[in-house]
């Protein structure tokens, strides 16, 4: 039942809420964050999700802007210098044998989702990109984790890796975040 509720929420309620938010002058980012939280609660409350193919999807802006290594085609090109959090994610993905991809935007992210044939997704992105991704990937269960943007959008962002690990554990059947 939560699956159906989530569909109505993403396809009907979100667009309506954004229109109403615009009229009431509510900050769009605040609304987006609330929508992501509601989506995550609906996914978590839907009970155990049997996942064979979990995908971890990251934005390219987690990579240090001065890095000369291209990781968008292959995240394992990362040399692990430690100037950004990508090294931690490559280590995590290797440890638990988890498909890990980095996307430069929504179109690439959708292609990765289509190509990997995943059963569920843990996605890291800004609020705007996450909302678009949640809507585009429905009915797949997706847990969204918003990134931190201390230097502004799309530039040297970061994320709390523990929140990502919690989401992975949920899909692995090891508890709720």
N, C-alpha and C. Protein backbone atom coordinates (compact mmCIF):
# COMPACT_ATOMS: atom_id res chain seq x y z
N UNK A 1 0.81 -1.19 0.00
CA UNK A 1 0.00 0.00 0.00
C UNK A 1 0.86 1.27 0.00
N UNK A 2 1.97 1.25 0.78
CA UNK A 2 2.86 2.41 0.80
C UNK A 2 3.43 2.70 -0.58
N UNK A 3 3.60 1.63 -1.38
CA UNK A 3 4.11 1.78 -2.73
C UNK A 3 3.17 2.68 -3.55
N UNK A 4 1.88 2.42 -3.43
CA UNK A 4 0.88 3.21 -4.13
C UNK A 4 0.81 4.63 -3.58
N UNK A 5 0.85 4.75 -2.28
CA UNK A 5 0.83 6.07 -1.64
C UNK A 5 2.04 6.88 -2.10
N UNK A 6 3.20 6.22 -2.17
CA UNK A 6 4.42 6.90 -2.61
C UNK A 6 4.27 7.40 -4.05
N UNK A 7 3.65 6.60 -4.90
CA UNK A 7 3.43 7.01 -6.29
C UNK A 7 2.55 8.24 -6.38
N UNK A 8 1.45 8.25 -5.65
CA UNK A 8 0.56 9.41 -5.64
C UNK A 8 1.29 10.62 -5.07
N UNK A 9 2.04 10.39 -4.02
CA UNK A 9 2.79 11.48 -3.40
C UNK A 9 3.76 12.11 -4.40
N UNK A 10 4.56 11.26 -5.08
CA UNK A 10 5.58 11.78 -5.99
C UNK A 10 4.99 12.41 -7.25
N UNK A 11 3.96 11.79 -7.80
CA UNK A 11 3.43 12.23 -9.09
C UNK A 11 2.35 13.31 -8.99
N UNK A 12 1.67 13.38 -7.84
CA UNK A 12 0.57 14.33 -7.70
C UNK A 12 0.86 15.37 -6.61
N UNK A 13 1.16 14.89 -5.43
CA UNK A 13 1.32 15.80 -4.29
C UNK A 13 2.52 16.73 -4.42
N UNK A 14 3.65 16.20 -4.88
CA UNK A 14 4.85 17.04 -5.00
C UNK A 14 4.62 18.23 -5.93
N UNK A 15 4.16 18.00 -7.17
CA UNK A 15 3.92 19.16 -8.04
C UNK A 15 2.91 20.15 -7.44
N UNK A 16 1.86 19.63 -6.82
CA UNK A 16 0.86 20.50 -6.19
C UNK A 16 1.50 21.31 -5.06
N UNK A 17 2.30 20.64 -4.23
CA UNK A 17 2.95 21.32 -3.10
C UNK A 17 3.90 22.41 -3.57
N UNK A 18 4.61 22.16 -4.68
CA UNK A 18 5.52 23.18 -5.18
C UNK A 18 4.76 24.39 -5.70
N UNK A 19 3.63 24.15 -6.35
CA UNK A 19 2.79 25.26 -6.81
C UNK A 19 2.25 26.06 -5.64
N UNK A 20 1.75 25.36 -4.64
CA UNK A 20 1.23 26.02 -3.44
C UNK A 20 2.35 26.74 -2.70
N UNK A 21 3.51 26.11 -2.62
CA UNK A 21 4.66 26.73 -1.97
C UNK A 21 5.07 28.02 -2.65
N UNK A 22 5.00 28.03 -3.98
CA UNK A 22 5.33 29.23 -4.73
C UNK A 22 4.35 30.35 -4.38
N UNK A 23 3.06 30.00 -4.32
CA UNK A 23 2.04 31.00 -3.97
C UNK A 23 2.25 31.55 -2.56
N UNK A 24 2.63 30.67 -1.65
CA UNK A 24 2.81 31.06 -0.25
C UNK A 24 4.22 31.56 0.05
N UNK A 25 5.05 31.60 -0.98
CA UNK A 25 6.43 32.08 -0.87
C UNK A 25 7.26 31.26 0.12
N UNK A 26 7.06 29.96 0.09
CA UNK A 26 7.88 29.05 0.90
C UNK A 26 9.11 28.70 0.08
N UNK A 27 10.27 28.73 0.73
CA UNK A 27 11.51 28.44 0.02
C UNK A 27 11.43 27.06 -0.64
N UNK A 28 11.78 27.03 -1.91
CA UNK A 28 11.70 25.79 -2.69
C UNK A 28 12.57 24.70 -2.09
N UNK A 29 13.78 25.06 -1.66
CA UNK A 29 14.70 24.09 -1.08
C UNK A 29 14.11 23.45 0.18
N UNK A 30 13.42 24.24 0.97
CA UNK A 30 12.79 23.72 2.19
C UNK A 30 11.70 22.70 1.84
N UNK A 31 10.89 23.03 0.84
CA UNK A 31 9.85 22.10 0.39
C UNK A 31 10.48 20.82 -0.17
N UNK A 32 11.53 20.97 -0.96
CA UNK A 32 12.19 19.80 -1.55
C UNK A 32 12.73 18.88 -0.47
N UNK A 33 13.35 19.46 0.54
CA UNK A 33 13.89 18.65 1.63
C UNK A 33 12.78 17.89 2.34
N UNK A 34 11.65 18.55 2.56
CA UNK A 34 10.51 17.88 3.19
C UNK A 34 9.99 16.74 2.32
N UNK A 35 9.94 16.96 1.02
CA UNK A 35 9.46 15.92 0.09
C UNK A 35 10.40 14.71 0.10
N UNK A 36 11.69 14.96 0.17
CA UNK A 36 12.67 13.86 0.23
C UNK A 36 12.49 13.08 1.52
N UNK A 37 12.31 13.81 2.62
CA UNK A 37 12.10 13.14 3.91
C UNK A 37 10.84 12.27 3.89
N UNK A 38 9.77 12.78 3.32
CA UNK A 38 8.53 12.00 3.24
C UNK A 38 8.74 10.77 2.36
N UNK A 39 9.39 10.94 1.22
CA UNK A 39 9.68 9.79 0.36
C UNK A 39 10.46 8.73 1.13
N UNK A 40 11.50 9.17 1.83
CA UNK A 40 12.33 8.22 2.57
C UNK A 40 11.51 7.48 3.63
N UNK A 41 10.64 8.20 4.31
CA UNK A 41 9.79 7.55 5.33
C UNK A 41 8.85 6.52 4.69
N UNK A 42 8.30 6.87 3.54
CA UNK A 42 7.42 5.92 2.85
C UNK A 42 8.17 4.67 2.42
N UNK A 43 9.39 4.84 1.92
CA UNK A 43 10.20 3.68 1.54
C UNK A 43 10.53 2.85 2.77
N UNK A 44 10.95 3.50 3.85
CA UNK A 44 11.32 2.79 5.07
C UNK A 44 10.13 2.08 5.70
N UNK A 45 8.95 2.68 5.63
CA UNK A 45 7.76 2.10 6.24
C UNK A 45 7.09 1.05 5.37
N UNK A 46 7.59 0.87 4.16
CA UNK A 46 6.97 -0.12 3.27
C UNK A 46 7.38 -1.54 3.64
N UNK A 47 8.20 -1.66 4.67
CA UNK A 47 8.63 -2.99 5.10
C UNK A 47 9.88 -3.42 4.37
N UNK A 48 10.29 -4.65 4.60
CA UNK A 48 11.53 -5.12 3.99
C UNK A 48 11.43 -5.11 2.46
N UNK A 49 12.48 -4.67 1.84
CA UNK A 49 12.56 -4.65 0.39
C UNK A 49 13.62 -5.67 -0.01
N UNK A 50 13.22 -6.67 -0.77
CA UNK A 50 14.19 -7.66 -1.23
C UNK A 50 14.99 -7.05 -2.36
N UNK A 51 16.26 -6.88 -2.13
CA UNK A 51 17.11 -6.22 -3.10
C UNK A 51 18.24 -7.15 -3.50
N UNK A 52 18.31 -7.41 -4.79
CA UNK A 52 19.44 -8.18 -5.32
C UNK A 52 20.48 -7.24 -5.90
N UNK A 53 19.98 -6.17 -6.51
CA UNK A 53 20.87 -5.24 -7.20
C UNK A 53 20.66 -3.82 -6.69
N UNK A 54 21.40 -3.46 -5.67
CA UNK A 54 21.33 -2.11 -5.11
C UNK A 54 22.35 -1.24 -5.83
N UNK A 55 21.97 -0.02 -6.13
CA UNK A 55 22.84 0.93 -6.80
C UNK A 55 23.12 2.09 -5.87
N UNK A 56 24.39 2.49 -5.78
CA UNK A 56 24.78 3.70 -5.06
C UNK A 56 25.15 4.73 -6.11
N UNK A 57 24.41 5.83 -6.13
CA UNK A 57 24.58 6.85 -7.15
C UNK A 57 24.99 8.17 -6.50
N UNK A 58 26.12 8.70 -6.94
CA UNK A 58 26.69 9.92 -6.36
C UNK A 58 26.77 11.03 -7.41
N UNK A 59 26.74 12.29 -6.97
CA UNK A 59 26.94 13.40 -7.90
C UNK A 59 28.44 13.69 -8.08
N UNK A 60 28.80 14.18 -9.25
CA UNK A 60 30.21 14.48 -9.53
C UNK A 60 30.75 15.61 -8.65
N UNK A 61 29.86 16.43 -8.11
CA UNK A 61 30.32 17.57 -7.32
C UNK A 61 30.91 17.16 -5.97
N UNK A 62 30.85 15.86 -5.63
CA UNK A 62 31.54 15.39 -4.42
C UNK A 62 33.05 15.36 -4.64
N UNK A 63 33.46 15.29 -5.90
CA UNK A 63 34.88 15.27 -6.22
C UNK A 63 35.48 16.67 -6.05
N UNK A 64 36.69 16.73 -5.53
CA UNK A 64 37.39 18.00 -5.38
C UNK A 64 37.53 18.67 -6.74
N UNK A 65 37.19 19.94 -6.82
CA UNK A 65 37.17 20.66 -8.09
C UNK A 65 38.55 20.79 -8.74
N UNK A 66 39.61 20.66 -7.95
CA UNK A 66 40.96 20.79 -8.50
C UNK A 66 41.54 19.46 -8.96
N UNK A 67 40.81 18.38 -8.75
CA UNK A 67 41.30 17.06 -9.12
C UNK A 67 41.35 16.93 -10.65
N UNK A 68 42.43 16.38 -11.15
CA UNK A 68 42.61 16.21 -12.60
C UNK A 68 42.10 14.85 -13.09
N UNK A 69 41.75 13.97 -12.17
CA UNK A 69 41.31 12.62 -12.52
C UNK A 69 39.82 12.64 -12.85
N UNK A 70 39.45 12.03 -13.98
CA UNK A 70 38.03 11.93 -14.35
C UNK A 70 37.44 10.68 -13.74
N UNK A 71 36.39 10.87 -12.95
CA UNK A 71 35.76 9.71 -12.31
C UNK A 71 34.34 9.47 -12.81
N UNK A 72 33.86 10.30 -13.72
CA UNK A 72 32.47 10.15 -14.16
C UNK A 72 32.28 8.92 -15.03
N UNK A 73 33.27 8.51 -15.76
CA UNK A 73 33.16 7.28 -16.56
C UNK A 73 33.47 6.05 -15.71
N UNK A 74 34.41 6.20 -14.79
CA UNK A 74 34.80 5.09 -13.92
C UNK A 74 35.25 5.67 -12.59
N UNK A 75 34.42 5.52 -11.58
CA UNK A 75 34.72 6.10 -10.26
C UNK A 75 35.99 5.49 -9.66
N UNK A 76 36.35 4.29 -10.11
CA UNK A 76 37.54 3.64 -9.57
C UNK A 76 38.84 4.20 -10.16
N UNK A 77 38.73 5.21 -11.02
CA UNK A 77 39.91 5.96 -11.45
C UNK A 77 40.44 6.82 -10.32
N UNK A 78 39.62 7.04 -9.30
CA UNK A 78 40.02 7.84 -8.14
C UNK A 78 41.32 7.29 -7.57
N UNK A 79 42.27 8.19 -7.35
CA UNK A 79 43.57 7.78 -6.81
C UNK A 79 43.62 7.80 -5.29
N UNK A 80 42.52 8.19 -4.65
CA UNK A 80 42.44 8.12 -3.20
C UNK A 80 43.31 9.11 -2.46
N UNK A 81 43.45 10.32 -2.99
CA UNK A 81 44.31 11.32 -2.36
C UNK A 81 43.73 11.81 -1.02
N UNK A 82 42.41 11.70 -0.85
CA UNK A 82 41.78 12.12 0.40
C UNK A 82 41.31 13.56 0.42
N UNK A 83 41.42 14.28 -0.70
CA UNK A 83 40.96 15.67 -0.74
C UNK A 83 39.44 15.78 -0.84
N UNK A 84 38.81 14.66 -1.12
CA UNK A 84 37.34 14.62 -1.17
C UNK A 84 36.88 13.27 -0.63
N UNK A 85 35.59 13.06 -0.61
CA UNK A 85 35.01 11.88 0.01
C UNK A 85 34.88 10.69 -0.96
N UNK A 86 35.22 10.89 -2.22
CA UNK A 86 35.07 9.82 -3.21
C UNK A 86 35.86 8.57 -2.81
N UNK A 87 37.05 8.77 -2.27
CA UNK A 87 37.88 7.63 -1.83
C UNK A 87 37.12 6.75 -0.84
N UNK A 88 36.42 7.37 0.09
CA UNK A 88 35.67 6.61 1.10
C UNK A 88 34.56 5.78 0.46
N UNK A 89 33.93 6.34 -0.55
CA UNK A 89 32.85 5.61 -1.22
C UNK A 89 33.39 4.46 -2.07
N UNK A 90 34.53 4.67 -2.72
CA UNK A 90 35.09 3.56 -3.51
C UNK A 90 35.51 2.41 -2.59
N UNK A 91 36.08 2.75 -1.45
CA UNK A 91 36.45 1.70 -0.48
C UNK A 91 35.21 0.97 0.02
N UNK A 92 34.17 1.70 0.37
CA UNK A 92 32.93 1.10 0.85
C UNK A 92 32.33 0.17 -0.21
N UNK A 93 32.25 0.66 -1.43
CA UNK A 93 31.66 -0.13 -2.52
C UNK A 93 32.44 -1.42 -2.77
N UNK A 94 33.77 -1.33 -2.70
CA UNK A 94 34.60 -2.53 -2.88
C UNK A 94 34.38 -3.51 -1.74
N UNK A 95 34.31 -3.01 -0.52
CA UNK A 95 34.15 -3.87 0.66
C UNK A 95 32.86 -4.68 0.60
N UNK A 96 31.78 -4.07 0.16
CA UNK A 96 30.49 -4.77 0.19
C UNK A 96 30.00 -5.15 -1.21
N UNK A 97 30.87 -5.02 -2.19
CA UNK A 97 30.55 -5.42 -3.57
C UNK A 97 29.28 -4.72 -4.07
N UNK A 98 29.30 -3.41 -4.00
CA UNK A 98 28.14 -2.59 -4.35
C UNK A 98 28.44 -1.78 -5.61
N UNK A 99 27.56 -1.83 -6.60
CA UNK A 99 27.76 -0.99 -7.78
C UNK A 99 27.72 0.50 -7.40
N UNK A 100 28.75 1.21 -7.80
CA UNK A 100 28.90 2.63 -7.48
C UNK A 100 29.12 3.40 -8.76
N UNK A 101 28.32 4.44 -8.95
CA UNK A 101 28.46 5.28 -10.13
C UNK A 101 28.39 6.74 -9.74
N UNK A 102 29.04 7.57 -10.55
CA UNK A 102 29.01 9.02 -10.37
C UNK A 102 28.35 9.61 -11.61
N UNK A 103 27.37 10.48 -11.40
CA UNK A 103 26.66 11.11 -12.52
C UNK A 103 26.93 12.61 -12.53
N UNK A 104 26.97 13.15 -13.74
CA UNK A 104 27.18 14.59 -13.89
C UNK A 104 25.86 15.36 -13.91
N UNK A 105 24.76 14.65 -13.96
CA UNK A 105 23.45 15.30 -13.98
C UNK A 105 22.34 14.28 -14.12
N UNK A 106 21.12 14.79 -14.23
CA UNK A 106 19.94 13.93 -14.25
C UNK A 106 19.87 12.99 -15.43
N UNK A 107 20.25 13.45 -16.61
CA UNK A 107 20.19 12.59 -17.80
C UNK A 107 21.13 11.41 -17.66
N UNK A 108 22.34 11.67 -17.21
CA UNK A 108 23.32 10.59 -17.01
C UNK A 108 22.85 9.67 -15.89
N UNK A 109 22.30 10.24 -14.83
CA UNK A 109 21.80 9.42 -13.72
C UNK A 109 20.70 8.48 -14.19
N UNK A 110 19.78 8.98 -15.01
CA UNK A 110 18.70 8.12 -15.52
C UNK A 110 19.27 7.01 -16.40
N UNK A 111 20.28 7.32 -17.20
CA UNK A 111 20.89 6.29 -18.05
C UNK A 111 21.56 5.22 -17.20
N UNK A 112 22.24 5.63 -16.14
CA UNK A 112 22.89 4.67 -15.24
C UNK A 112 21.84 3.76 -14.62
N UNK A 113 20.74 4.34 -14.16
CA UNK A 113 19.66 3.54 -13.55
C UNK A 113 19.12 2.54 -14.56
N UNK A 114 18.88 2.99 -15.79
CA UNK A 114 18.37 2.09 -16.82
C UNK A 114 19.37 0.98 -17.16
N UNK A 115 20.64 1.35 -17.29
CA UNK A 115 21.67 0.38 -17.68
C UNK A 115 21.96 -0.65 -16.60
N UNK A 116 21.88 -0.26 -15.33
CA UNK A 116 22.24 -1.19 -14.26
C UNK A 116 21.11 -2.12 -13.86
N UNK A 117 19.89 -1.82 -14.27
CA UNK A 117 18.73 -2.67 -13.93
C UNK A 117 18.65 -2.92 -12.42
N UNK A 118 18.81 -1.87 -11.65
CA UNK A 118 18.82 -1.99 -10.19
C UNK A 118 17.42 -2.21 -9.64
N UNK A 119 17.37 -2.86 -8.48
CA UNK A 119 16.11 -3.08 -7.77
C UNK A 119 15.80 -1.93 -6.82
N UNK A 120 16.84 -1.24 -6.39
CA UNK A 120 16.70 -0.13 -5.44
C UNK A 120 17.92 0.77 -5.57
N UNK A 121 17.77 1.99 -5.07
CA UNK A 121 18.84 2.98 -5.23
C UNK A 121 19.04 3.75 -3.94
N UNK A 122 20.30 3.97 -3.60
CA UNK A 122 20.67 4.96 -2.60
C UNK A 122 21.30 6.09 -3.40
N UNK A 123 20.68 7.26 -3.36
CA UNK A 123 21.12 8.38 -4.19
C UNK A 123 21.53 9.56 -3.33
N UNK A 124 22.66 10.15 -3.69
CA UNK A 124 23.14 11.37 -3.04
C UNK A 124 23.07 12.48 -4.08
N UNK A 125 22.50 13.61 -3.69
CA UNK A 125 22.43 14.76 -4.60
C UNK A 125 21.88 15.95 -3.83
N UNK A 126 21.80 17.08 -4.52
CA UNK A 126 21.14 18.25 -3.94
C UNK A 126 19.63 18.00 -3.98
N UNK A 127 18.89 18.80 -3.26
CA UNK A 127 17.45 18.61 -3.16
C UNK A 127 16.77 18.61 -4.53
N UNK A 128 17.13 19.56 -5.35
CA UNK A 128 16.49 19.69 -6.67
C UNK A 128 16.70 18.43 -7.51
N UNK A 129 17.94 17.95 -7.58
CA UNK A 129 18.22 16.76 -8.39
C UNK A 129 17.60 15.51 -7.79
N UNK A 130 17.57 15.43 -6.45
CA UNK A 130 16.96 14.26 -5.82
C UNK A 130 15.46 14.18 -6.11
N UNK A 131 14.76 15.30 -6.00
CA UNK A 131 13.32 15.29 -6.27
C UNK A 131 13.06 14.82 -7.70
N UNK A 132 13.79 15.37 -8.64
CA UNK A 132 13.63 14.95 -10.04
C UNK A 132 13.92 13.47 -10.21
N UNK A 133 14.96 12.99 -9.55
CA UNK A 133 15.32 11.58 -9.63
C UNK A 133 14.29 10.67 -8.99
N UNK A 134 13.74 11.08 -7.86
CA UNK A 134 12.71 10.27 -7.19
C UNK A 134 11.49 10.11 -8.09
N UNK A 135 11.09 11.19 -8.71
CA UNK A 135 9.92 11.15 -9.60
C UNK A 135 10.21 10.30 -10.83
N UNK A 136 11.39 10.49 -11.42
CA UNK A 136 11.75 9.77 -12.65
C UNK A 136 11.93 8.27 -12.45
N UNK A 137 12.39 7.87 -11.27
CA UNK A 137 12.70 6.46 -11.05
C UNK A 137 11.57 5.67 -10.41
N UNK A 138 10.48 6.36 -10.02
CA UNK A 138 9.35 5.62 -9.45
C UNK A 138 8.91 4.58 -10.48
N UNK A 139 8.66 3.34 -10.10
CA UNK A 139 8.35 2.79 -8.80
C UNK A 139 9.53 2.18 -8.03
N UNK A 140 10.76 2.37 -8.51
CA UNK A 140 11.90 1.83 -7.76
C UNK A 140 11.97 2.46 -6.38
N UNK A 141 12.26 1.66 -5.35
CA UNK A 141 12.47 2.26 -4.03
C UNK A 141 13.81 3.00 -4.01
N UNK A 142 13.76 4.26 -3.65
CA UNK A 142 14.96 5.10 -3.61
C UNK A 142 15.01 5.80 -2.26
N UNK A 143 16.16 5.69 -1.61
CA UNK A 143 16.42 6.50 -0.41
C UNK A 143 17.36 7.62 -0.83
N UNK A 144 16.94 8.85 -0.60
CA UNK A 144 17.73 10.00 -0.99
C UNK A 144 18.46 10.60 0.20
N UNK A 145 19.72 10.94 -0.02
CA UNK A 145 20.54 11.60 1.00
C UNK A 145 21.03 12.91 0.39
N UNK A 146 20.68 14.02 1.03
CA UNK A 146 21.09 15.32 0.48
C UNK A 146 22.55 15.59 0.81
N UNK A 147 23.22 16.22 -0.15
CA UNK A 147 24.62 16.56 0.08
C UNK A 147 24.73 17.91 0.78
N UNK A 148 25.89 18.13 1.38
CA UNK A 148 26.18 19.41 2.03
C UNK A 148 26.91 20.28 1.03
N UNK A 149 26.58 21.56 1.00
CA UNK A 149 27.16 22.47 0.01
C UNK A 149 27.82 23.67 0.68
N UNK A 150 28.93 23.46 1.38
CA UNK A 150 29.56 24.57 2.10
C UNK A 150 30.11 25.66 1.18
N UNK A 151 30.36 25.34 -0.10
CA UNK A 151 30.91 26.32 -1.04
C UNK A 151 29.90 26.69 -2.12
N UNK A 152 28.64 26.37 -1.89
CA UNK A 152 27.60 26.64 -2.87
C UNK A 152 27.27 25.40 -3.68
N UNK A 153 26.29 25.54 -4.57
CA UNK A 153 25.83 24.37 -5.32
C UNK A 153 26.87 23.86 -6.32
N UNK A 154 26.92 22.56 -6.47
CA UNK A 154 27.72 21.87 -7.50
C UNK A 154 29.22 22.16 -7.41
N UNK A 155 29.72 22.45 -6.23
CA UNK A 155 31.14 22.78 -6.11
C UNK A 155 31.68 22.27 -4.77
N UNK A 156 32.57 21.29 -4.83
CA UNK A 156 33.22 20.74 -3.64
C UNK A 156 32.21 20.41 -2.53
N UNK A 157 31.19 19.68 -2.89
CA UNK A 157 30.18 19.29 -1.92
C UNK A 157 30.66 18.10 -1.10
N UNK A 158 29.91 17.76 -0.10
CA UNK A 158 30.23 16.61 0.74
C UNK A 158 28.92 15.96 1.18
N UNK A 159 29.03 14.86 1.91
CA UNK A 159 27.85 14.17 2.41
C UNK A 159 28.24 13.39 3.65
N UNK A 160 27.31 13.21 4.54
CA UNK A 160 27.53 12.40 5.73
C UNK A 160 27.49 10.94 5.31
N UNK A 161 28.66 10.31 5.24
CA UNK A 161 28.73 8.93 4.75
C UNK A 161 27.97 7.96 5.65
N UNK A 162 27.81 8.30 6.91
CA UNK A 162 27.06 7.42 7.82
C UNK A 162 25.58 7.35 7.41
N UNK A 163 25.03 8.46 6.93
CA UNK A 163 23.64 8.44 6.45
C UNK A 163 23.52 7.53 5.23
N UNK A 164 24.52 7.56 4.38
CA UNK A 164 24.52 6.70 3.20
C UNK A 164 24.64 5.24 3.62
N UNK A 165 25.53 4.97 4.57
CA UNK A 165 25.68 3.59 5.07
C UNK A 165 24.39 3.09 5.71
N UNK A 166 23.69 3.95 6.43
CA UNK A 166 22.40 3.57 7.03
C UNK A 166 21.40 3.16 5.95
N UNK A 167 21.35 3.93 4.88
CA UNK A 167 20.42 3.61 3.78
C UNK A 167 20.80 2.28 3.13
N UNK A 168 22.08 2.04 2.96
CA UNK A 168 22.54 0.77 2.39
C UNK A 168 22.16 -0.38 3.31
N UNK A 169 22.36 -0.18 4.61
CA UNK A 169 22.01 -1.24 5.58
C UNK A 169 20.52 -1.57 5.52
N UNK A 170 19.69 -0.55 5.35
CA UNK A 170 18.25 -0.80 5.24
C UNK A 170 17.96 -1.75 4.08
N UNK A 171 18.51 -1.44 2.91
CA UNK A 171 18.26 -2.27 1.74
C UNK A 171 18.92 -3.64 1.86
N UNK A 172 19.96 -3.73 2.67
CA UNK A 172 20.62 -5.02 2.89
C UNK A 172 19.88 -5.85 3.93
N UNK A 173 18.80 -5.28 4.49
CA UNK A 173 18.00 -6.01 5.48
C UNK A 173 18.58 -5.99 6.87
N UNK A 174 19.41 -4.99 7.15
CA UNK A 174 20.08 -4.92 8.45
C UNK A 174 19.59 -3.76 9.30
N UNK A 175 18.34 -3.41 9.15
CA UNK A 175 17.77 -2.37 10.01
C UNK A 175 17.38 -1.13 9.25
N UNK A 176 16.79 -0.21 9.97
CA UNK A 176 16.34 1.04 9.38
C UNK A 176 17.29 2.16 9.76
N UNK A 177 17.46 3.11 8.85
CA UNK A 177 18.32 4.26 9.17
C UNK A 177 17.71 5.15 10.23
